[in-house]
Amino acid sequence: MAELIFTSEHFMPLNTPQPGVPMLLDDRMRLIEPACAWLMYVALIRGRTRSRQTWRAYGEALVDWWQTLEANGWVWDEVGTDEIAAYRDHMLQHPSGHTGSPYARSTINGRIRVLSLFYKYCAATGLIAKSPLRSSELALGRHRPPRFLAHVDASGGMQVVNDLTVRHTPMLPRPLAPEVIRRIMTDMGARDRLIVEWAVTTGIRRMELAALKRSAVPNGGGNPLTAVRIEITKGGKPRLIYPPSTLLDRSWAYAREERAVAVRRARTRDPTYVDPDTLFLTDHGKTMTARRVGAMFADAAQRCGIAAQFHSLRHTFASVMLRFLQRQAAQGADLNPLLTLQTVLGHADFATTSIYLRVVATDLGVIEASVDDLYRALL
């Protein structure tokens, strides 16, 4: 069965110049060359895709397709629209073998889009004669919001989509009310409460939080907000976040106390143990992974009967921050709220940030409180 691995400092096939590039192996541990060639193109050549999380998503979609090929006895370069449609229909009708939950339509469309990109690349490079997937123009429904720069869009309200795309109405991000966040945090320990507070007061992603360096966290120093530079980001471009000084002070208290205990215990178990520079550690002294951060929050929310994921904290921060910036601009501050928010969140695409305009308009009652109000609800 096909497997997905990632290049590292110790495994760099085909002269890949950096780690983290997804690679597909067959059941005999040989590189699946067409898949690897496309993934390398996406990660190392195609300038629009710089996020390792996007590389991983592409790799996971492709390995799922290759496992489907193997299970059905199909050959990757001999399949047609019927086989890919059957793959799509299977996801529509059956739950995920990994999570046991039904596939979201956005997930299904995402996987079909990855296959479209892969086969389009193969056709362009001569690996196959033509792509088995066709595209057509689709009229955007009136209920859909206009895209950024829609006033200069010459497409006439048409969008090119794959023929196998299923109907999907995107859901707006949903911010969490402060009282809901407090409920989720009720039974958390000091470390996990700090993790939640970092996310909801800075908008930091879980993978960015897991990689947060202890050496990069300054003392609060009494300043209301202190800039912290994070190097590991989704797009690979460092940016500044602004946690409140009280959060920085408590983070240092955690490092001196609970974190230090975990380090001492790890050294007792293993004399060769090296204390990692990351701020948040497990009870065994290991770096908290992004997956563990997400699972910690999801479990806490589930215990409270609340349907929320860790990324909901980022949505909360973004919505409240936009409202706060709008207020500042209305009071005469020389700033563009949306452009400022884009910088703070680290979005590469302005259209991604603009979604929060609709969130503010829809959930104004939830996010009317200023950022300071939200801080006080947590501290």
Protein backbone atom coordinates (compact mmCIF):
# COMPACT_ATOMS: atom_id res chain seq x y z
CA MET A 1 0.00 0.00 0.00
CA ALA A 2 1.26 3.47 -0.86
CA GLU A 3 2.67 5.48 2.03
CA LEU A 4 3.46 9.14 2.60
CA ILE A 5 6.80 10.26 4.02
CA PHE A 6 8.53 13.62 4.25
CA THR A 7 12.08 14.58 3.37
CA SER A 8 14.35 15.32 6.29
CA GLU A 9 18.00 16.12 6.85
CA HIS A 10 18.68 12.38 6.77
CA PHE A 11 16.42 11.52 3.84
CA MET A 12 16.75 13.77 0.80
CA PRO A 13 15.96 11.79 -2.37
CA LEU A 14 16.31 13.27 -5.82
CA ASN A 15 18.55 16.04 -4.46
CA THR A 16 15.71 17.89 -2.75
CA PRO A 17 17.24 21.07 -1.28
CA GLN A 18 15.10 21.28 1.88
CA PRO A 19 13.22 19.05 4.34
CA GLY A 20 9.46 18.76 4.65
CA VAL A 21 8.67 17.85 1.02
CA PRO A 22 6.10 15.01 0.85
CA MET A 23 7.09 11.86 -1.01
CA LEU A 24 5.01 8.81 -1.98
CA LEU A 25 6.36 5.27 -1.69
CA ASP A 26 4.81 2.08 -3.06
CA ASP A 27 4.46 -1.20 -1.17
CA ARG A 28 8.07 -2.08 -2.06
CA MET A 29 9.34 1.23 -0.64
CA ARG A 30 10.12 2.64 -4.08
CA LEU A 31 9.41 6.24 -4.96
CA ILE A 32 6.22 6.69 -6.98
CA GLU A 33 7.91 8.91 -9.53
CA PRO A 34 5.02 10.86 -11.14
CA ALA A 35 3.55 11.71 -7.74
CA CYS A 36 6.95 12.68 -6.30
CA ALA A 37 7.78 14.78 -9.36
CA TRP A 38 4.57 16.79 -8.99
CA LEU A 39 4.95 17.21 -5.22
CA MET A 40 8.51 18.45 -5.73
CA TYR A 41 7.24 20.88 -8.36
CA VAL A 42 4.59 22.17 -5.95
CA ALA A 43 7.01 22.52 -3.04
CA LEU A 44 10.18 23.69 -4.75
CA ILE A 45 9.29 25.39 -8.02
CA ARG A 46 5.69 26.61 -8.01
CA GLY A 47 6.00 29.99 -6.33
CA ARG A 48 2.38 30.21 -5.13
CA THR A 49 2.65 27.30 -2.70
CA ARG A 50 5.16 27.97 0.07
CA SER A 51 3.31 26.50 3.05
CA ARG A 52 4.45 23.11 4.33
CA GLN A 53 0.89 22.54 5.56
CA THR A 54 -0.31 22.89 1.96
CA TRP A 55 2.39 20.48 0.82
CA ARG A 56 1.19 18.00 3.44
CA ALA A 57 -2.45 18.40 2.38
CA TYR A 58 -1.50 17.75 -1.26
CA GLY A 59 0.56 14.73 -0.26
CA GLU A 60 -2.24 13.29 1.89
CA ALA A 61 -4.75 13.73 -0.93
CA LEU A 62 -2.44 12.05 -3.41
CA VAL A 63 -1.60 9.09 -1.18
CA ASP A 64 -5.32 8.53 -0.59
CA TRP A 65 -5.84 8.47 -4.35
CA TRP A 66 -2.94 6.05 -4.85
CA GLN A 67 -4.33 3.72 -2.20
CA THR A 68 -7.68 3.86 -4.03
CA LEU A 69 -5.91 2.96 -7.28
CA GLU A 70 -4.28 -0.04 -5.61
CA ALA A 71 -7.50 -1.19 -3.93
CA ASN A 72 -9.37 -1.18 -7.25
CA GLY A 73 -6.58 -2.43 -9.49
CA TRP A 74 -6.55 0.81 -11.49
CA VAL A 75 -3.46 2.19 -13.22
CA TRP A 76 -2.79 5.86 -12.45
CA ASP A 77 -2.25 6.92 -16.07
CA GLU A 78 -5.11 4.85 -17.50
CA VAL A 79 -8.01 6.11 -15.38
CA GLY A 80 -10.74 8.32 -16.78
CA THR A 81 -13.50 10.53 -15.49
CA ASP A 82 -15.60 7.51 -14.49
CA GLU A 83 -12.99 6.20 -12.05
CA ILE A 84 -12.44 9.59 -10.44
CA ALA A 85 -16.21 10.11 -10.22
CA ALA A 86 -16.48 6.73 -8.45
CA TYR A 87 -13.77 7.88 -6.02
CA ARG A 88 -15.74 11.06 -5.35
CA ASP A 89 -19.00 9.16 -4.87
CA HIS A 90 -17.38 6.76 -2.43
CA MET A 91 -16.34 9.73 -0.26
CA LEU A 92 -19.88 11.12 -0.47
CA GLN A 93 -21.43 7.84 0.63
CA HIS A 94 -18.94 6.44 3.16
CA PRO A 95 -17.22 7.89 6.25
CA SER A 96 -13.49 8.44 6.47
CA GLY A 97 -11.52 5.33 7.32
CA HIS A 98 -9.26 7.44 9.56
CA THR A 99 -11.75 9.51 11.58
CA GLY A 100 -14.97 7.53 11.15
CA SER A 101 -16.79 10.78 10.33
CA PRO A 102 -18.46 11.67 7.01
CA TYR A 103 -16.31 13.61 4.57
CA ALA A 104 -17.04 17.31 4.40
CA ARG A 105 -17.93 18.44 0.90
CA SER A 106 -15.10 20.95 1.07
CA THR A 107 -12.71 18.05 1.74
CA ILE A 108 -14.06 16.10 -1.23
CA ASN A 109 -13.76 19.11 -3.53
CA GLY A 110 -10.26 19.74 -2.23
CA ARG A 111 -9.13 16.21 -3.08
CA ILE A 112 -10.65 16.35 -6.54
CA ARG A 113 -8.92 19.69 -7.07
CA VAL A 114 -5.58 18.14 -6.09
CA LEU A 115 -6.13 15.36 -8.64
CA SER A 116 -7.00 17.96 -11.26
CA LEU A 117 -3.75 19.83 -10.56
CA PHE A 118 -1.73 16.61 -10.57
CA TYR A 119 -3.10 15.32 -13.86
CA LYS A 120 -2.88 18.76 -15.46
CA TYR A 121 0.82 18.81 -14.54
CA CYS A 122 1.31 15.30 -15.93
CA ALA A 123 -0.33 16.28 -19.22
CA ALA A 124 1.74 19.47 -19.46
CA THR A 125 5.00 17.59 -18.88
CA GLY A 126 4.21 14.76 -21.30
CA LEU A 127 3.70 12.01 -18.70
CA ILE A 128 0.18 11.44 -20.08
CA ALA A 129 -1.54 12.50 -23.30
CA LYS A 130 -4.32 14.46 -21.60
CA SER A 131 -5.91 14.96 -18.22
CA PRO A 132 -8.87 12.68 -17.37
CA LEU A 133 -10.57 15.64 -15.69
CA ARG A 134 -12.47 18.35 -17.51
CA SER A 135 -13.22 21.89 -16.38
CA SER A 136 -16.16 24.12 -17.18
CA GLU A 137 -17.38 27.60 -16.33
CA LEU A 138 -19.86 27.94 -13.49
CA ALA A 139 -22.00 31.00 -12.79
CA LEU A 140 -21.53 32.15 -9.21
CA GLY A 141 -24.77 32.21 -7.24
CA ARG A 142 -26.14 35.54 -6.07
CA HIS A 143 -25.84 34.43 -2.47
CA ARG A 144 -22.07 34.27 -2.79
CA PRO A 145 -20.10 37.35 -1.76
CA PRO A 146 -18.21 39.22 -4.49
CA ARG A 147 -14.50 38.53 -4.59
CA PHE A 148 -11.90 41.16 -3.82
CA LEU A 149 -11.37 43.37 -6.90
CA ALA A 150 -14.64 42.05 -8.34
CA HIS A 151 -15.20 45.47 -9.89
CA VAL A 152 -12.30 44.84 -12.30
CA ASP A 153 -13.10 41.17 -12.87
CA ALA A 154 -13.77 40.48 -16.55
CA SER A 155 -15.07 36.96 -15.96
CA GLY A 156 -18.70 38.07 -15.97
CA GLY A 157 -19.43 36.31 -12.68
CA MET A 158 -18.11 32.99 -14.00
CA GLN A 159 -15.66 30.69 -12.27
CA VAL A 160 -13.73 27.79 -13.79
CA VAL A 161 -14.40 24.61 -11.80
CA ASN A 162 -13.81 20.92 -12.26
CA ASP A 163 -16.74 18.97 -13.69
CA LEU A 164 -16.70 16.62 -10.68
CA THR A 165 -16.96 19.40 -8.11
CA VAL A 166 -19.93 18.90 -5.78
CA ARG A 167 -22.17 21.70 -4.58
CA HIS A 168 -20.79 23.24 -1.42
CA THR A 169 -21.82 26.33 0.53
CA PRO A 170 -18.81 27.58 2.53
CA MET A 171 -19.45 28.26 6.20
CA LEU A 172 -18.34 31.53 7.72
CA PRO A 173 -15.75 31.34 10.52
CA ARG A 174 -17.51 31.28 13.89
CA PRO A 175 -15.92 33.22 16.75
CA LEU A 176 -16.37 31.96 20.30
CA ALA A 177 -17.96 34.15 22.96
CA PRO A 178 -15.72 34.87 25.99
CA GLU A 179 -18.00 32.91 28.30
CA VAL A 180 -17.69 29.86 26.03
CA ILE A 181 -13.91 30.09 26.09
CA ARG A 182 -13.99 30.35 29.89
CA ARG A 183 -16.10 27.20 30.08
CA ILE A 184 -13.65 25.27 27.93
CA MET A 185 -10.73 26.48 30.07
CA THR A 186 -12.38 25.61 33.41
CA ASP A 187 -10.58 22.32 34.08
CA MET A 188 -7.37 23.06 32.18
CA GLY A 189 -3.96 23.13 33.84
CA ALA A 190 -1.65 26.15 33.73
CA ARG A 191 0.08 25.12 30.51
CA ASP A 192 -3.08 24.47 28.55
CA ARG A 193 -4.71 27.69 29.77
CA LEU A 194 -1.66 29.61 28.57
CA ILE A 195 -1.85 27.93 25.17
CA VAL A 196 -5.49 28.99 24.78
CA GLU A 197 -4.74 32.54 25.90
CA TRP A 198 -1.84 32.86 23.46
CA ALA A 199 -4.14 31.78 20.63
CA VAL A 200 -7.10 33.98 21.47
CA THR A 201 -5.08 37.13 22.22
CA THR A 202 -2.64 36.93 19.29
CA GLY A 203 -4.33 34.81 16.60
CA ILE A 204 -1.35 32.45 16.51
CA ARG A 205 -1.94 29.12 14.74
CA ARG A 206 -1.41 25.83 16.57
CA MET A 207 1.66 24.89 14.49
CA GLU A 208 3.11 28.35 15.16
CA LEU A 209 2.35 28.01 18.86
CA ALA A 210 3.93 24.56 19.06
CA ALA A 211 7.12 26.00 17.53
CA LEU A 212 7.14 29.14 19.72
CA LYS A 213 10.68 29.57 21.09
CA ARG A 214 11.16 30.16 24.79
CA SER A 215 14.14 32.36 23.93
CA ALA A 216 11.89 34.55 21.74
CA VAL A 217 9.46 35.33 24.56
CA PRO A 218 10.49 38.52 26.41
CA ASN A 219 9.46 39.60 29.88
CA GLY A 220 6.34 41.72 29.95
CA GLY A 221 8.17 44.72 31.38
CA GLY A 222 4.91 46.47 32.20
CA ASN A 223 4.15 47.34 28.56
CA PRO A 224 0.51 46.72 27.56
CA LEU A 225 1.60 44.88 24.40
CA THR A 226 5.04 43.56 23.48
CA ALA A 227 6.07 42.44 20.01
CA VAL A 228 7.16 38.80 19.70
CA ARG A 229 8.73 37.58 16.47
CA ILE A 230 7.69 34.10 15.35
CA GLU A 231 9.89 32.39 12.79
CA ILE A 232 7.87 29.24 12.06
CA THR A 233 4.66 30.29 10.29
CA LYS A 234 2.24 28.71 7.85
CA GLY A 235 3.62 30.60 4.87
CA GLY A 236 7.22 30.42 6.02
CA LYS A 237 7.45 34.21 6.43
CA PRO A 238 8.31 35.48 9.94
CA ARG A 239 5.88 37.95 11.48
CA LEU A 240 5.21 39.81 14.71
CA ILE A 241 2.48 39.02 17.22
CA TYR A 242 1.52 41.18 20.21
CA PRO A 243 0.65 39.28 23.41
CA PRO A 244 -0.33 41.32 26.48
CA SER A 245 2.40 41.77 29.08
CA THR A 246 0.46 39.87 31.74
CA LEU A 247 0.41 36.83 29.46
CA LEU A 248 4.17 37.09 28.97
CA ASP A 249 4.68 37.28 32.74
CA ARG A 250 2.57 34.16 33.34
CA SER A 251 4.39 32.36 30.52
CA TRP A 252 7.69 33.03 32.26
CA ALA A 253 6.17 31.81 35.54
CA TYR A 254 5.14 28.60 33.77
CA ALA A 255 8.67 28.22 32.36
CA ARG A 256 10.23 28.62 35.82
CA GLU A 257 7.82 26.28 37.55
CA GLU A 258 5.76 23.66 35.68
CA ARG A 259 8.04 23.52 32.63
CA ALA A 260 11.16 23.31 34.80
CA VAL A 261 9.67 20.34 36.67
CA ALA A 262 9.07 18.49 33.39
CA VAL A 263 12.67 19.18 32.33
CA ARG A 264 14.11 17.91 35.65
CA ARG A 265 12.05 14.72 35.45
CA ALA A 266 13.18 14.14 31.86
CA ARG A 267 16.84 14.54 32.87
CA THR A 268 16.34 12.10 35.73
CA ARG A 269 14.96 9.51 33.31
CA ASP A 270 17.57 10.19 30.64
CA PRO A 271 20.92 11.84 31.48
CA THR A 272 21.43 12.67 27.78
CA TYR A 273 18.17 14.62 27.60
CA VAL A 274 18.49 18.05 25.99
CA ASP A 275 16.01 20.76 26.95
CA PRO A 276 14.34 21.99 23.74
CA ASP A 277 14.01 25.73 23.19
CA THR A 278 10.26 25.54 22.61
CA LEU A 279 8.11 27.16 25.28
CA PHE A 280 5.47 24.49 25.75
CA LEU A 281 6.48 20.95 26.73
CA THR A 282 4.63 17.75 27.52
CA ASP A 283 4.85 16.21 31.00
CA HIS A 284 7.71 14.10 29.63
CA GLY A 285 9.73 17.12 28.56
CA LYS A 286 9.06 16.83 24.84
CA THR A 287 7.93 19.63 22.56
CA MET A 288 4.17 19.93 22.27
CA THR A 289 3.24 19.08 18.68
CA ALA A 290 0.60 20.97 16.71
CA ARG A 291 -1.52 17.83 16.64
CA ARG A 292 -1.34 17.50 20.42
CA VAL A 293 -2.27 21.17 20.89
CA GLY A 294 -5.35 20.71 18.70
CA ALA A 295 -6.35 17.48 20.42
CA MET A 296 -5.99 19.05 23.86
CA PHE A 297 -8.41 21.85 23.01
CA ALA A 298 -10.88 19.63 21.13
CA ASP A 299 -11.04 17.22 24.08
CA ALA A 300 -11.63 20.05 26.56
CA ALA A 301 -14.39 21.51 24.38
CA GLN A 302 -16.02 18.09 23.97
CA ARG A 303 -16.09 17.57 27.73
CA CYS A 304 -18.10 20.81 27.97
CA GLY A 305 -20.46 19.78 25.20
CA ILE A 306 -19.11 22.50 22.90
CA ALA A 307 -18.34 21.90 19.22
CA ALA A 308 -15.14 23.89 18.69
CA GLN A 309 -11.69 23.35 17.26
CA PHE A 310 -8.47 25.14 18.18
CA HIS A 311 -8.65 27.24 15.01
CA SER A 312 -11.86 28.76 16.40
CA LEU A 313 -9.63 30.77 18.72
CA ARG A 314 -7.90 32.36 15.73
CA HIS A 315 -11.30 33.20 14.24
CA THR A 316 -12.27 34.78 17.55
CA PHE A 317 -9.13 36.90 17.66
CA ALA A 318 -9.50 37.98 14.03
CA SER A 319 -13.15 39.00 14.43
CA VAL A 320 -12.63 40.92 17.66
CA MET A 321 -9.44 42.57 16.38
CA LEU A 322 -11.17 43.72 13.19
CA ARG A 323 -13.99 45.25 15.21
CA PHE A 324 -11.46 46.97 17.46
CA LEU A 325 -9.54 48.32 14.45
CA GLN A 326 -12.78 49.56 12.89
CA ARG A 327 -13.53 51.48 16.06
CA GLN A 328 -10.04 52.96 16.08
CA ALA A 329 -10.39 54.08 12.47
CA ALA A 330 -13.81 55.62 13.20
CA GLN A 331 -12.20 57.62 15.99
CA GLY A 332 -9.64 59.09 13.61
CA ALA A 333 -6.75 56.63 13.68
CA ASP A 334 -4.80 56.64 10.42
CA LEU A 335 -5.12 52.97 9.52
CA ASN A 336 -6.91 50.58 7.20
CA PRO A 337 -8.54 47.98 9.49
CA LEU A 338 -8.55 45.15 6.96
CA LEU A 339 -4.98 45.67 5.73
CA THR A 340 -3.77 45.92 9.32
CA LEU A 341 -5.56 42.70 10.21
CA GLN A 342 -4.05 40.97 7.17
CA THR A 343 -0.57 41.86 8.44
CA VAL A 344 -1.32 40.74 11.99
CA LEU A 345 -2.76 37.40 10.86
CA GLY A 346 -0.06 36.77 8.27
CA HIS A 347 -2.49 36.15 5.41
CA ALA A 348 -0.89 36.02 1.97
CA ASP A 349 -4.24 36.63 0.25
CA PHE A 350 -6.24 39.75 1.09
CA ALA A 351 -9.44 37.93 0.12
CA THR A 352 -8.90 35.51 3.02
CA THR A 353 -8.86 38.40 5.48
CA SER A 354 -11.89 40.08 3.91
CA ILE A 355 -14.08 37.16 5.01
CA TYR A 356 -14.02 38.63 8.51
CA LEU A 357 -15.97 41.65 7.30
CA ARG A 358 -18.94 39.33 6.86
CA VAL A 359 -18.23 37.67 10.22
CA VAL A 360 -18.36 41.04 11.98
CA ALA A 361 -21.59 41.93 10.19
CA THR A 362 -23.16 38.56 11.04
CA ASP A 363 -21.98 38.03 14.64
CA LEU A 364 -21.71 41.59 15.87
CA GLY A 365 -23.45 40.72 19.12
CA VAL A 366 -20.78 38.15 19.95
CA ILE A 367 -17.74 40.27 19.10
CA GLU A 368 -18.87 43.77 20.03
CA ALA A 369 -16.50 43.70 23.01
CA SER A 370 -13.12 45.27 22.41
CA VAL A 371 -9.86 43.32 22.51
CA ASP A 372 -9.28 44.63 26.04
CA ASP A 373 -12.66 43.25 27.09
CA LEU A 374 -11.69 39.83 25.78
CA TYR A 375 -8.34 40.01 27.56
CA ARG A 376 -10.08 40.77 30.85
CA ALA A 377 -12.44 37.85 30.31
CA LEU A 378 -9.45 35.52 30.18
CA LEU A 379 -6.98 36.99 32.65
